[in-house]
Amino acid sequence: MQSNFGKTTALRPLERESRRGVEPAKVMDTSNDNRLSKKPNTLKNMNWDQVKGNWKQTKGKAKEKWGKLTDDDLDVAEGKRDQLVGKVQERYGCAREEAEREVDEFANSL
């Protein structure tokens, strides 16, 4: 019986040849890698947890800050950062980044 080790053969993607034959390539586990997190700033998330938990009280302060937002806009947002950013952007005609900055400053001021 002849060994095929060392001979060039076409391998499927993510496979490599070893002395034991063809093995699947190892995939790096990134489940605990904070750099890939969708939530980059824990402090920001804690503030938004507080905003969401106290939305009825926060809603009045948001209405004072952004007078162009209607009660319906604030009801739709319901303490969700992305929804509030979208409504601020829509009503004030500003760039997304500017709306995000204003909403984050608002949350940090509470």
PDB file of N, CA and C in Angstrom:
ATOM      1  N   MET A   1       0.839  -1.170   0.000  1.00  0.00           N
ATOM      2  CA  MET A   1       0.000   0.000   0.000  1.00  0.00           C
ATOM      3  C   MET A   1       0.888   1.239   0.000  1.00  0.00           C
ATOM      4  N   GLN A   2       0.649   2.156  -0.940  1.00  0.00           N
ATOM      5  CA  GLN A   2       1.463   3.351  -1.045  1.00  0.00           C
ATOM      6  C   GLN A   2       0.797   4.504  -0.317  1.00  0.00           C
ATOM      7  N   SER A   3       1.629   5.372   0.271  1.00  0.00           N
ATOM      8  CA  SER A   3       1.120   6.545   0.972  1.00  0.00           C
ATOM      9  C   SER A   3       0.991   7.699  -0.011  1.00  0.00           C
ATOM     10  N   ASN A   4      -0.069   8.446   0.123  1.00  0.00           N
ATOM     11  CA  ASN A   4      -0.272   9.633  -0.711  1.00  0.00           C
ATOM     12  C   ASN A   4       0.236  10.896  -0.029  1.00  0.00           C
ATOM     13  N   PHE A   5       0.829  10.756   1.161  1.00  0.00           N
ATOM     14  CA  PHE A   5       1.302  11.919   1.884  1.00  0.00           C
ATOM     15  C   PHE A   5       2.391  12.626   1.089  1.00  0.00           C
ATOM     16  N   GLY A   6       2.270  13.931   0.977  1.00  0.00           N
ATOM     17  CA  GLY A   6       3.266  14.714   0.264  1.00  0.00           C
ATOM     18  C   GLY A   6       2.914  14.963  -1.183  1.00  0.00           C
ATOM     19  N   LYS A   7       1.975  14.208  -1.735  1.00  0.00           N
ATOM     20  CA  LYS A   7       1.559  14.436  -3.123  1.00  0.00           C
ATOM     21  C   LYS A   7       0.553  15.577  -3.156  1.00  0.00           C
ATOM     22  N   THR A   8       0.635  16.356  -4.180  1.00  0.00           N
ATOM     23  CA  THR A   8      -0.253  17.492  -4.322  1.00  0.00           C
ATOM     24  C   THR A   8      -1.597  17.020  -4.863  1.00  0.00           C
ATOM     25  N   THR A   9      -2.631  17.324  -4.107  1.00  0.00           N
ATOM     26  CA  THR A   9      -3.992  17.010  -4.552  1.00  0.00           C
ATOM     27  C   THR A   9      -4.849  18.233  -4.279  1.00  0.00           C
ATOM     28  N   ALA A  10      -5.941  18.325  -4.968  1.00  0.00           N
ATOM     29  CA  ALA A  10      -6.844  19.449  -4.749  1.00  0.00           C
ATOM     30  C   ALA A  10      -7.637  19.202  -3.470  1.00  0.00           C
ATOM     31  N   LEU A  11      -7.548  20.133  -2.530  1.00  0.00           N
ATOM     32  CA  LEU A  11      -8.269  20.010  -1.274  1.00  0.00           C
ATOM     33  C   LEU A  11      -9.461  20.943  -1.280  1.00  0.00           C
ATOM     34  N   ARG A  12     -10.491  20.532  -0.592  1.00  0.00           N
ATOM     35  CA  ARG A  12     -11.641  21.413  -0.443  1.00  0.00           C
ATOM     36  C   ARG A  12     -11.242  22.570   0.465  1.00  0.00           C
ATOM     37  N   PRO A  13     -11.939  23.694   0.370  1.00  0.00           N
ATOM     38  CA  PRO A  13     -11.618  24.826   1.237  1.00  0.00           C
ATOM     39  C   PRO A  13     -11.658  24.413   2.702  1.00  0.00           C
ATOM     40  N   LEU A  14     -10.822  25.028   3.497  1.00  0.00           N
ATOM     41  CA  LEU A  14     -10.725  24.817   4.933  1.00  0.00           C
ATOM     42  C   LEU A  14     -10.251  23.419   5.310  1.00  0.00           C
ATOM     43  N   GLU A  15      -9.526  22.762   4.424  1.00  0.00           N
ATOM     44  CA  GLU A  15      -8.958  21.458   4.745  1.00  0.00           C
ATOM     45  C   GLU A  15      -7.455  21.519   4.576  1.00  0.00           C
ATOM     46  N   ARG A  16      -6.770  20.689   5.288  1.00  0.00           N
ATOM     47  CA  ARG A  16      -5.330  20.607   5.138  1.00  0.00           C
ATOM     48  C   ARG A  16      -4.948  19.140   5.223  1.00  0.00           C
ATOM     49  N   GLU A  17      -3.813  18.831   4.640  1.00  0.00           N
ATOM     50  CA  GLU A  17      -3.362  17.447   4.624  1.00  0.00           C
ATOM     51  C   GLU A  17      -2.396  17.218   5.780  1.00  0.00           C
ATOM     52  N   SER A  18      -2.537  16.101   6.444  1.00  0.00           N
ATOM     53  CA  SER A  18      -1.629  15.748   7.525  1.00  0.00           C
ATOM     54  C   SER A  18      -1.260  14.277   7.371  1.00  0.00           C
ATOM     55  N   ARG A  19      -0.458  13.777   8.273  1.00  0.00           N
ATOM     56  CA  ARG A  19      -0.051  12.373   8.218  1.00  0.00           C
ATOM     57  C   ARG A  19      -1.245  11.437   8.381  1.00  0.00           C
ATOM     58  N   ARG A  20      -2.306  11.924   9.009  1.00  0.00           N
ATOM     59  CA  ARG A  20      -3.477  11.079   9.222  1.00  0.00           C
ATOM     60  C   ARG A  20      -4.496  11.222   8.109  1.00  0.00           C
ATOM     61  N   GLY A  21      -4.191  11.954   7.083  1.00  0.00           N
ATOM     62  CA  GLY A  21      -5.126  12.164   5.987  1.00  0.00           C
ATOM     63  C   GLY A  21      -5.600  13.607   5.969  1.00  0.00           C
ATOM     64  N   VAL A  22      -6.704  13.840   5.334  1.00  0.00           N
ATOM     65  CA  VAL A  22      -7.252  15.186   5.206  1.00  0.00           C
ATOM     66  C   VAL A  22      -8.073  15.497   6.449  1.00  0.00           C
ATOM     67  N   GLU A  23      -7.778  16.639   7.089  1.00  0.00           N
ATOM     68  CA  GLU A  23      -8.484  17.066   8.290  1.00  0.00           C
ATOM     69  C   GLU A  23      -9.102  18.438   8.049  1.00  0.00           C
ATOM     70  N   PRO A  24     -10.234  18.672   8.649  1.00  0.00           N
ATOM     71  CA  PRO A  24     -10.794  20.022   8.543  1.00  0.00           C
ATOM     72  C   PRO A  24      -9.888  21.014   9.265  1.00  0.00           C
ATOM     73  N   ALA A  25      -9.802  22.207   8.726  1.00  0.00           N
ATOM     74  CA  ALA A  25      -8.977  23.245   9.364  1.00  0.00           C
ATOM     75  C   ALA A  25      -9.641  23.688  10.655  1.00  0.00           C
ATOM     76  N   LYS A  26      -8.835  24.109  11.600  1.00  0.00           N
ATOM     77  CA  LYS A  26      -9.369  24.591  12.865  1.00  0.00           C
ATOM     78  C   LYS A  26      -9.884  26.006  12.677  1.00  0.00           C
ATOM     79  N   VAL A  27     -11.013  26.277  13.273  1.00  0.00           N
ATOM     80  CA  VAL A  27     -11.625  27.588  13.200  1.00  0.00           C
ATOM     81  C   VAL A  27     -11.405  28.288  14.531  1.00  0.00           C
ATOM     82  N   MET A  28     -10.967  29.535  14.462  1.00  0.00           N
ATOM     83  CA  MET A  28     -10.688  30.287  15.673  1.00  0.00           C
ATOM     84  C   MET A  28     -11.992  30.643  16.374  1.00  0.00           C
ATOM     85  N   ASP A  29     -12.070  30.377  17.671  1.00  0.00           N
ATOM     86  CA  ASP A  29     -13.247  30.708  18.468  1.00  0.00           C
ATOM     87  C   ASP A  29     -13.170  32.175  18.851  1.00  0.00           C
ATOM     88  N   THR A  30     -14.110  32.978  18.343  1.00  0.00           N
ATOM     89  CA  THR A  30     -14.116  34.412  18.641  1.00  0.00           C
ATOM     90  C   THR A  30     -15.315  34.800  19.503  1.00  0.00           C
ATOM     91  N   SER A  31     -15.978  33.823  20.109  1.00  0.00           N
ATOM     92  CA  SER A  31     -17.188  34.125  20.870  1.00  0.00           C
ATOM     93  C   SER A  31     -16.923  35.048  22.055  1.00  0.00           C
ATOM     94  N   ASN A  32     -15.734  35.010  22.619  1.00  0.00           N
ATOM     95  CA  ASN A  32     -15.417  35.875  23.756  1.00  0.00           C
ATOM     96  C   ASN A  32     -14.525  37.048  23.360  1.00  0.00           C
ATOM     97  N   ASP A  33     -14.392  37.309  22.093  1.00  0.00           N
ATOM     98  CA  ASP A  33     -13.528  38.383  21.615  1.00  0.00           C
ATOM     99  C   ASP A  33     -14.299  39.698  21.638  1.00  0.00           C
ATOM    100  N   ASN A  34     -13.953  40.581  22.571  1.00  0.00           N
ATOM    101  CA  ASN A  34     -14.670  41.843  22.729  1.00  0.00           C
ATOM    102  C   ASN A  34     -14.525  42.765  21.529  1.00  0.00           C
ATOM    103  N   ARG A  35     -13.467  42.600  20.756  1.00  0.00           N
ATOM    104  CA  ARG A  35     -13.267  43.472  19.602  1.00  0.00           C
ATOM    105  C   ARG A  35     -14.339  43.254  18.546  1.00  0.00           C
ATOM    106  N   LEU A  36     -14.975  42.098  18.532  1.00  0.00           N
ATOM    107  CA  LEU A  36     -15.976  41.798  17.521  1.00  0.00           C
ATOM    108  C   LEU A  36     -17.391  42.008  18.033  1.00  0.00           C
ATOM    109  N   SER A  37     -17.528  42.521  19.224  1.00  0.00           N
ATOM    110  CA  SER A  37     -18.831  42.702  19.844  1.00  0.00           C
ATOM    111  C   SER A  37     -19.632  43.760  19.100  1.00  0.00           C
ATOM    112  N   LYS A  38     -20.932  43.550  19.004  1.00  0.00           N
ATOM    113  CA  LYS A  38     -21.801  44.546  18.405  1.00  0.00           C
ATOM    114  C   LYS A  38     -22.054  45.693  19.376  1.00  0.00           C
ATOM    115  N   LYS A  39     -21.737  45.482  20.638  1.00  0.00           N
ATOM    116  CA  LYS A  39     -21.927  46.495  21.652  1.00  0.00           C
ATOM    117  C   LYS A  39     -20.559  46.967  22.120  1.00  0.00           C
ATOM    118  N   PRO A  40     -19.997  47.974  21.464  1.00  0.00           N
ATOM    119  CA  PRO A  40     -18.624  48.352  21.729  1.00  0.00           C
ATOM    120  C   PRO A  40     -18.379  49.014  23.078  1.00  0.00           C
ATOM    121  N   ASN A  41     -19.375  49.639  23.678  1.00  0.00           N
ATOM    122  CA  ASN A  41     -19.129  50.388  24.895  1.00  0.00           C
ATOM    123  C   ASN A  41     -20.105  49.952  25.981  1.00  0.00           C
ATOM    124  N   THR A  42     -19.616  49.263  26.988  1.00  0.00           N
ATOM    125  CA  THR A  42     -20.468  48.749  28.051  1.00  0.00           C
ATOM    126  C   THR A  42     -21.136  49.877  28.825  1.00  0.00           C
ATOM    127  N   LEU A  43     -20.416  50.970  29.070  1.00  0.00           N
ATOM    128  CA  LEU A  43     -20.988  52.095  29.789  1.00  0.00           C
ATOM    129  C   LEU A  43     -22.179  52.662  29.035  1.00  0.00           C
ATOM    130  N   LYS A  44     -22.049  52.796  27.732  1.00  0.00           N
ATOM    131  CA  LYS A  44     -23.142  53.298  26.913  1.00  0.00           C
ATOM    132  C   LYS A  44     -24.347  52.374  27.025  1.00  0.00           C
ATOM    133  N   ASN A  45     -24.099  51.063  27.003  1.00  0.00           N
ATOM    134  CA  ASN A  45     -25.195  50.100  27.091  1.00  0.00           C
ATOM    135  C   ASN A  45     -25.881  50.157  28.446  1.00  0.00           C
ATOM    136  N   MET A  46     -25.095  50.367  29.518  1.00  0.00           N
ATOM    137  CA  MET A  46     -25.699  50.485  30.841  1.00  0.00           C
ATOM    138  C   MET A  46     -26.586  51.723  30.896  1.00  0.00           C
ATOM    139  N   ASN A  47     -26.129  52.834  30.312  1.00  0.00           N
ATOM    140  CA  ASN A  47     -26.961  54.037  30.272  1.00  0.00           C
ATOM    141  C   ASN A  47     -28.256  53.763  29.538  1.00  0.00           C
ATOM    142  N   TRP A  48     -28.182  53.031  28.434  1.00  0.00           N
ATOM    143  CA  TRP A  48     -29.399  52.759  27.669  1.00  0.00           C
ATOM    144  C   TRP A  48     -30.298  51.760  28.362  1.00  0.00           C
ATOM    145  N   ASP A  49     -29.745  50.875  29.153  1.00  0.00           N
ATOM    146  CA  ASP A  49     -30.584  50.002  29.971  1.00  0.00           C
ATOM    147  C   ASP A  49     -31.380  50.844  30.964  1.00  0.00           C
ATOM    148  N   GLN A  50     -30.720  51.850  31.537  1.00  0.00           N
ATOM    149  CA  GLN A  50     -31.397  52.741  32.478  1.00  0.00           C
ATOM    150  C   GLN A  50     -32.441  53.591  31.765  1.00  0.00           C
ATOM    151  N   VAL A  51     -32.109  54.098  30.590  1.00  0.00           N
ATOM    152  CA  VAL A  51     -33.050  54.907  29.814  1.00  0.00           C
ATOM    153  C   VAL A  51     -34.286  54.084  29.495  1.00  0.00           C
ATOM    154  N   LYS A  52     -34.068  52.863  29.039  1.00  0.00           N
ATOM    155  CA  LYS A  52     -35.194  51.997  28.675  1.00  0.00           C
ATOM    156  C   LYS A  52     -36.043  51.657  29.894  1.00  0.00           C
ATOM    157  N   GLY A  53     -35.386  51.399  31.025  1.00  0.00           N
ATOM    158  CA  GLY A  53     -36.116  51.057  32.238  1.00  0.00           C
ATOM    159  C   GLY A  53     -36.949  52.204  32.789  1.00  0.00           C
ATOM    160  N   ASN A  54     -36.499  53.428  32.546  1.00  0.00           N
ATOM    161  CA  ASN A  54     -37.204  54.619  33.046  1.00  0.00           C
ATOM    162  C   ASN A  54     -37.788  55.432  31.894  1.00  0.00           C
ATOM    163  N   TRP A  55     -38.240  54.769  30.855  1.00  0.00           N
ATOM    164  CA  TRP A  55     -38.638  55.469  29.641  1.00  0.00           C
ATOM    165  C   TRP A  55     -39.753  56.484  29.872  1.00  0.00           C
ATOM    166  N   LYS A  56     -40.700  56.178  30.742  1.00  0.00           N
ATOM    167  CA  LYS A  56     -41.805  57.122  30.960  1.00  0.00           C
ATOM    168  C   LYS A  56     -41.300  58.447  31.504  1.00  0.00           C
ATOM    169  N   GLN A  57     -40.325  58.396  32.418  1.00  0.00           N
ATOM    170  CA  GLN A  57     -39.755  59.634  32.948  1.00  0.00           C
ATOM    171  C   GLN A  57     -38.825  60.278  31.918  1.00  0.00           C
ATOM    172  N   THR A  58     -38.075  59.465  31.220  1.00  0.00           N
ATOM    173  CA  THR A  58     -37.110  59.962  30.245  1.00  0.00           C
ATOM    174  C   THR A  58     -37.807  60.581  29.036  1.00  0.00           C
ATOM    175  N   LYS A  59     -38.971  60.059  28.712  1.00  0.00           N
ATOM    176  CA  LYS A  59     -39.728  60.528  27.549  1.00  0.00           C
ATOM    177  C   LYS A  59     -40.016  62.031  27.633  1.00  0.00           C
ATOM    178  N   GLY A  60     -40.360  62.504  28.821  1.00  0.00           N
ATOM    179  CA  GLY A  60     -40.629  63.933  29.003  1.00  0.00           C
ATOM    180  C   GLY A  60     -39.384  64.775  28.780  1.00  0.00           C
ATOM    181  N   LYS A  61     -38.251  64.297  29.262  1.00  0.00           N
ATOM    182  CA  LYS A  61     -36.989  65.025  29.072  1.00  0.00           C
ATOM    183  C   LYS A  61     -36.591  65.030  27.596  1.00  0.00           C
ATOM    184  N   ALA A  62     -36.849  63.918  26.910  1.00  0.00           N
ATOM    185  CA  ALA A  62     -36.547  63.848  25.470  1.00  0.00           C
ATOM    186  C   ALA A  62     -37.433  64.823  24.700  1.00  0.00           C
ATOM    187  N   LYS A  63     -38.682  64.923  25.125  1.00  0.00           N
ATOM    188  CA  LYS A  63     -39.618  65.853  24.474  1.00  0.00           C
ATOM    189  C   LYS A  63     -39.147  67.295  24.662  1.00  0.00           C
ATOM    190  N   GLU A  64     -38.590  67.617  25.848  1.00  0.00           N
ATOM    191  CA  GLU A  64     -38.051  68.957  26.090  1.00  0.00           C
ATOM    192  C   GLU A  64     -36.842  69.235  25.196  1.00  0.00           C
ATOM    193  N   LYS A  65     -35.973  68.248  25.055  1.00  0.00           N
ATOM    194  CA  LYS A  65     -34.748  68.430  24.269  1.00  0.00           C
ATOM    195  C   LYS A  65     -35.052  68.520  22.784  1.00  0.00           C
ATOM    196  N   TRP A  66     -35.897  67.630  22.288  1.00  0.00           N
ATOM    197  CA  TRP A  66     -36.222  67.584  20.864  1.00  0.00           C
ATOM    198  C   TRP A  66     -37.712  67.877  20.692  1.00  0.00           C
ATOM    199  N   GLY A  67     -38.047  69.136  20.660  1.00  0.00           N
ATOM    200  CA  GLY A  67     -39.441  69.560  20.560  1.00  0.00           C
ATOM    201  C   GLY A  67     -40.141  69.119  19.284  1.00  0.00           C
ATOM    202  N   LYS A  68     -39.381  68.847  18.235  1.00  0.00           N
ATOM    203  CA  LYS A  68     -39.995  68.418  16.976  1.00  0.00           C
ATOM    204  C   LYS A  68     -40.472  66.969  17.017  1.00  0.00           C
ATOM    205  N   LEU A  69     -40.013  66.210  18.003  1.00  0.00           N
ATOM    206  CA  LEU A  69     -40.454  64.816  18.116  1.00  0.00           C
ATOM    207  C   LEU A  69     -41.861  64.785  18.689  1.00  0.00           C
ATOM    208  N   THR A  70     -42.723  64.000  18.058  1.00  0.00           N
ATOM    209  CA  THR A  70     -44.097  63.875  18.529  1.00  0.00           C
ATOM    210  C   THR A  70     -44.169  62.789  19.599  1.00  0.00           C
ATOM    211  N   ASP A  71     -45.300  62.750  20.285  1.00  0.00           N
ATOM    212  CA  ASP A  71     -45.515  61.686  21.266  1.00  0.00           C
ATOM    213  C   ASP A  71     -45.479  60.322  20.577  1.00  0.00           C
ATOM    214  N   ASP A  72     -46.011  60.266  19.360  1.00  0.00           N
ATOM    215  CA  ASP A  72     -45.971  59.006  18.609  1.00  0.00           C
ATOM    216  C   ASP A  72     -44.531  58.586  18.303  1.00  0.00           C
ATOM    217  N   ASP A  73     -43.687  59.557  17.939  1.00  0.00           N
ATOM    218  CA  ASP A  73     -42.271  59.255  17.679  1.00  0.00           C
ATOM    219  C   ASP A  73     -41.629  58.647  18.924  1.00  0.00           C
ATOM    220  N   LEU A  74     -41.886  59.253  20.070  1.00  0.00           N
ATOM    221  CA  LEU A  74     -41.295  58.783  21.311  1.00  0.00           C
ATOM    222  C   LEU A  74     -41.884  57.444  21.754  1.00  0.00           C
ATOM    223  N   ASP A  75     -43.165  57.222  21.445  1.00  0.00           N
ATOM    224  CA  ASP A  75     -43.773  55.920  21.753  1.00  0.00           C
ATOM    225  C   ASP A  75     -43.152  54.817  20.894  1.00  0.00           C
ATOM    226  N   VAL A  76     -42.866  55.134  19.632  1.00  0.00           N
ATOM    227  CA  VAL A  76     -42.229  54.157  18.742  1.00  0.00           C
ATOM    228  C   VAL A  76     -40.821  53.849  19.233  1.00  0.00           C
ATOM    229  N   ALA A  77     -40.097  54.890  19.661  1.00  0.00           N
ATOM    230  CA  ALA A  77     -38.725  54.693  20.139  1.00  0.00           C
ATOM    231  C   ALA A  77     -38.707  53.826  21.391  1.00  0.00           C
ATOM    232  N   GLU A  78     -39.595  54.112  22.325  1.00  0.00           N
ATOM    233  CA  GLU A  78     -39.786  53.308  23.542  1.00  0.00           C
ATOM    234  C   GLU A  78     -38.472  52.894  24.215  1.00  0.00           C
ATOM    235  N   GLY A  79     -37.524  53.837  24.297  1.00  0.00           N
ATOM    236  CA  GLY A  79     -36.258  53.576  24.974  1.00  0.00           C
ATOM    237  C   GLY A  79     -35.235  52.858  24.139  1.00  0.00           C
ATOM    238  N   LYS A  80     -35.508  52.619  22.872  1.00  0.00           N
ATOM    239  CA  LYS A  80     -34.553  51.945  21.993  1.00  0.00           C
ATOM    240  C   LYS A  80     -33.682  52.995  21.318  1.00  0.00           C
ATOM    241  N   ARG A  81     -32.389  52.893  21.536  1.00  0.00           N
ATOM    242  CA  ARG A  81     -31.440  53.893  21.049  1.00  0.00           C
ATOM    243  C   ARG A  81     -31.544  54.093  19.537  1.00  0.00           C
ATOM    244  N   ASP A  82     -31.498  53.004  18.774  1.00  0.00           N
ATOM    245  CA  ASP A  82     -31.513  53.117  17.310  1.00  0.00           C
ATOM    246  C   ASP A  82     -32.797  53.774  16.802  1.00  0.00           C
ATOM    247  N   GLN A  83     -33.910  53.447  17.438  1.00  0.00           N
ATOM    248  CA  GLN A  83     -35.174  54.057  17.026  1.00  0.00           C
ATOM    249  C   GLN A  83     -35.171  55.560  17.306  1.00  0.00           C
ATOM    250  N   LEU A  84     -34.664  55.935  18.474  1.00  0.00           N
ATOM    251  CA  LEU A  84     -34.618  57.352  18.824  1.00  0.00           C
ATOM    252  C   LEU A  84     -33.663  58.106  17.908  1.00  0.00           C
ATOM    253  N   VAL A  85     -32.514  57.525  17.616  1.00  0.00           N
ATOM    254  CA  VAL A  85     -31.557  58.140  16.696  1.00  0.00           C
ATOM    255  C   VAL A  85     -32.230  58.365  15.336  1.00  0.00           C
ATOM    256  N   GLY A  86     -32.940  57.359  14.852  1.00  0.00           N
ATOM    257  CA  GLY A  86     -33.629  57.473  13.556  1.00  0.00           C
ATOM    258  C   GLY A  86     -34.665  58.579  13.547  1.00  0.00           C
ATOM    259  N   LYS A  87     -35.419  58.693  14.634  1.00  0.00           N
ATOM    260  CA  LYS A  87     -36.450  59.736  14.706  1.00  0.00           C
ATOM    261  C   LYS A  87     -35.827  61.129  14.790  1.00  0.00           C
ATOM    262  N   VAL A  88     -34.747  61.272  15.563  1.00  0.00           N
ATOM    263  CA  VAL A  88     -34.058  62.569  15.646  1.00  0.00           C
ATOM    264  C   VAL A  88     -33.498  62.937  14.277  1.00  0.00           C
ATOM    265  N   GLN A  89     -32.899  61.968  13.620  1.00  0.00           N
ATOM    266  CA  GLN A  89     -32.328  62.202  12.285  1.00  0.00           C
ATOM    267  C   GLN A  89     -33.428  62.610  11.305  1.00  0.00           C
ATOM    268  N   GLU A  90     -34.543  61.935  11.358  1.00  0.00           N
ATOM    269  CA  GLU A  90     -35.653  62.201  10.437  1.00  0.00           C
ATOM    270  C   GLU A  90     -36.256  63.585  10.670  1.00  0.00           C
ATOM    271  N   ARG A  91     -36.545  63.915  11.916  1.00  0.00           N
ATOM    272  CA  ARG A  91     -37.222  65.189  12.221  1.00  0.00           C
ATOM    273  C   ARG A  91     -36.314  66.406  12.071  1.00  0.00           C
ATOM    274  N   TYR A  92     -35.030  66.245  12.351  1.00  0.00           N
ATOM    275  CA  TYR A  92     -34.118  67.386  12.313  1.00  0.00           C
ATOM    276  C   TYR A  92     -33.253  67.416  11.062  1.00  0.00           C
ATOM    277  N   GLY A  93     -33.335  66.397  10.224  1.00  0.00           N
ATOM    278  CA  GLY A  93     -32.591  66.381   8.966  1.00  0.00           C
ATOM    279  C   GLY A  93     -31.089  66.412   9.124  1.00  0.00           C
ATOM    280  N   CYS A  94     -30.583  65.765  10.165  1.00  0.00           N
ATOM    281  CA  CYS A  94     -29.137  65.759  10.401  1.00  0.00           C
ATOM    282  C   CYS A  94     -28.543  64.406  10.007  1.00  0.00           C
ATOM    283  N   ALA A  95     -27.221  64.348   9.960  1.00  0.00           N
ATOM    284  CA  ALA A  95     -26.527  63.108   9.628  1.00  0.00           C
ATOM    285  C   ALA A  95     -26.700  62.100  10.763  1.00  0.00           C
ATOM    286  N   ARG A  96     -26.610  60.842  10.428  1.00  0.00           N
ATOM    287  CA  ARG A  96     -26.777  59.771  11.426  1.00  0.00           C
ATOM    288  C   ARG A  96     -25.779  59.918  12.576  1.00  0.00           C
ATOM    289  N   GLU A  97     -24.521  60.220  12.243  1.00  0.00           N
ATOM    290  CA  GLU A  97     -23.492  60.354  13.269  1.00  0.00           C
ATOM    291  C   GLU A  97     -23.822  61.483  14.249  1.00  0.00           C
ATOM    292  N   GLU A  98     -24.333  62.593  13.718  1.00  0.00           N
ATOM    293  CA  GLU A  98     -24.695  63.718  14.573  1.00  0.00           C
ATOM    294  C   GLU A  98     -25.872  63.357  15.480  1.00  0.00           C
ATOM    295  N   ALA A  99     -26.854  62.667  14.924  1.00  0.00           N
ATOM    296  CA  ALA A  99     -28.002  62.236  15.720  1.00  0.00           C
ATOM    297  C   ALA A  99     -27.564  61.258  16.811  1.00  0.00           C
ATOM    298  N   GLU A 100     -26.653  60.343  16.475  1.00  0.00           N
ATOM    299  CA  GLU A 100     -26.142  59.392  17.475  1.00  0.00           C
ATOM    300  C   GLU A 100     -25.413  60.125  18.598  1.00  0.00           C
ATOM    301  N   ARG A 101     -24.603  61.105  18.230  1.00  0.00           N
ATOM    302  CA  ARG A 101     -23.858  61.868  19.227  1.00  0.00           C
ATOM    303  C   ARG A 101     -24.813  62.599  20.161  1.00  0.00           C
ATOM    304  N   GLU A 102     -25.841  63.243  19.605  1.00  0.00           N
ATOM    305  CA  GLU A 102     -26.801  63.981  20.428  1.00  0.00           C
ATOM    306  C   GLU A 102     -27.572  63.044  21.355  1.00  0.00           C
ATOM    307  N   VAL A 103     -27.991  61.910  20.842  1.00  0.00           N
ATOM    308  CA  VAL A 103     -28.748  60.958  21.655  1.00  0.00           C
ATOM    309  C   VAL A 103     -27.871  60.391  22.768  1.00  0.00           C
ATOM    310  N   ASP A 104     -26.616  60.101  22.461  1.00  0.00           N
ATOM    311  CA  ASP A 104     -25.704  59.585  23.486  1.00  0.00           C
ATOM    312  C   ASP A 104     -25.420  60.639  24.556  1.00  0.00           C
ATOM    313  N   GLU A 105     -25.241  61.895  24.149  1.00  0.00           N
ATOM    314  CA  GLU A 105     -25.039  62.974  25.112  1.00  0.00           C
ATOM    315  C   GLU A 105     -26.271  63.128  26.005  1.00  0.00           C
ATOM    316  N   PHE A 106     -27.436  62.993  25.406  1.00  0.00           N
ATOM    317  CA  PHE A 106     -28.682  63.061  26.170  1.00  0.00           C
ATOM    318  C   PHE A 106     -28.730  61.953  27.235  1.00  0.00           C
ATOM    319  N   ALA A 107     -28.416  60.729  26.819  1.00  0.00           N
ATOM    320  CA  ALA A 107     -28.438  59.606  27.752  1.00  0.00           C
ATOM    321  C   ALA A 107     -27.415  59.782  28.868  1.00  0.00           C
ATOM    322  N   ASN A 108     -26.253  60.312  28.538  1.00  0.00           N
ATOM    323  CA  ASN A 108     -25.205  60.502  29.547  1.00  0.00           C
ATOM    324  C   ASN A 108     -25.543  61.626  30.516  1.00  0.00           C
ATOM    325  N   SER A 109     -26.416  62.545  30.109  1.00  0.00           N
ATOM    326  CA  SER A 109     -26.774  63.674  30.968  1.00  0.00           C
ATOM    327  C   SER A 109     -27.852  63.310  31.995  1.00  0.00           C
ATOM    328  N   LEU A 110     -28.452  62.148  31.847  1.00  0.00           N
ATOM    329  CA  LEU A 110     -29.535  61.752  32.767  1.00  0.00           C
ATOM    330  C   LEU A 110     -29.014  61.280  34.090  1.00  0.00           C
TER     331      LEU A 110
END
